[in-house]
Amino acid sequence: MDPAAAAAAPPSPPAVKMPSHKTFIIKKKLAKKMRQNRPIPHWIRMRTDNTIRVVCVLID
């Protein structure tokens, strides 16, 4: 786009702020997943002698 065409274009309307479509239930679920998604503390590695088992079951 050349500069002359950009100058001739009408200004765009200001952005309208819209609320997010996030319900409280979804927000709670996302907060729980954020808490779960964190590194394992170093003291657990020492306590379990560096053997960490992962249980592959989805728990809600």
Protein backbone atom coordinates (compact mmCIF):
# COMPACT_ATOMS: atom_id res chain seq x y z
CA MET A 1 0.00 0.00 0.00
CA ASP A 2 1.48 3.30 -1.01
CA PRO A 3 1.57 6.29 1.39
CA ALA A 4 -0.84 8.37 -0.71
CA ALA A 5 -3.54 5.70 -0.50
CA ALA A 6 -3.01 5.35 3.24
CA ALA A 7 -3.43 9.09 3.74
CA ALA A 8 -6.62 9.15 1.65
CA ALA A 9 -8.28 6.30 3.56
CA PRO A 10 -10.86 7.39 6.12
CA PRO A 11 -9.91 6.83 9.76
CA SER A 12 -11.22 3.62 11.26
CA PRO A 13 -13.79 3.87 14.07
CA PRO A 14 -12.47 3.49 17.61
CA ALA A 15 -12.28 -0.08 18.87
CA VAL A 16 -15.31 -1.11 20.88
CA LYS A 17 -14.52 -2.99 24.07
CA MET A 18 -16.54 -6.17 24.34
CA PRO A 19 -16.74 -8.37 27.41
CA SER A 20 -15.31 -11.86 27.23
CA HIS A 21 -17.70 -14.78 27.04
CA LYS A 22 -16.20 -16.45 30.09
CA THR A 23 -18.60 -17.76 32.69
CA PHE A 24 -17.66 -18.24 36.31
CA ILE A 25 -17.69 -22.03 35.92
CA ILE A 26 -15.21 -21.86 33.04
CA LYS A 27 -13.10 -19.38 35.00
CA LYS A 28 -12.97 -21.76 37.98
CA LYS A 29 -11.98 -24.68 35.75
CA LEU A 30 -9.23 -22.64 34.08
CA ALA A 31 -7.92 -21.51 37.49
CA LYS A 32 -7.70 -25.14 38.65
CA LYS A 33 -5.80 -26.14 35.51
CA MET A 34 -3.41 -23.19 36.02
CA ARG A 35 -2.71 -24.36 39.57
CA GLN A 36 -2.06 -27.90 38.35
CA ASN A 37 0.29 -26.74 35.59
CA ARG A 38 3.39 -26.02 37.64
CA PRO A 39 6.79 -27.63 38.11
CA ILE A 40 7.28 -30.33 40.72
CA PRO A 41 8.93 -28.98 43.91
CA HIS A 42 12.54 -30.04 44.35
CA TRP A 43 11.90 -31.50 47.80
CA ILE A 44 9.49 -34.08 46.31
CA ARG A 45 12.33 -35.36 44.12
CA MET A 46 14.46 -35.81 47.24
CA ARG A 47 11.62 -37.41 49.20
CA THR A 48 10.69 -39.90 46.47
CA ASP A 49 14.30 -40.64 45.55
CA ASN A 50 13.82 -39.03 42.12
CA THR A 51 11.10 -41.48 41.02
CA ILE A 52 7.99 -39.63 39.97
CA ARG A 53 5.11 -41.69 38.66
CA VAL A 54 2.53 -40.15 36.36
CA VAL A 55 -1.00 -41.47 36.56
CA CYS A 56 -2.60 -41.21 33.13
CA VAL A 57 -6.18 -40.77 34.30
CA LEU A 58 -8.11 -37.58 33.64
CA ILE A 59 -9.54 -36.34 36.91
CA ASP A 60 -11.84 -33.36 36.84
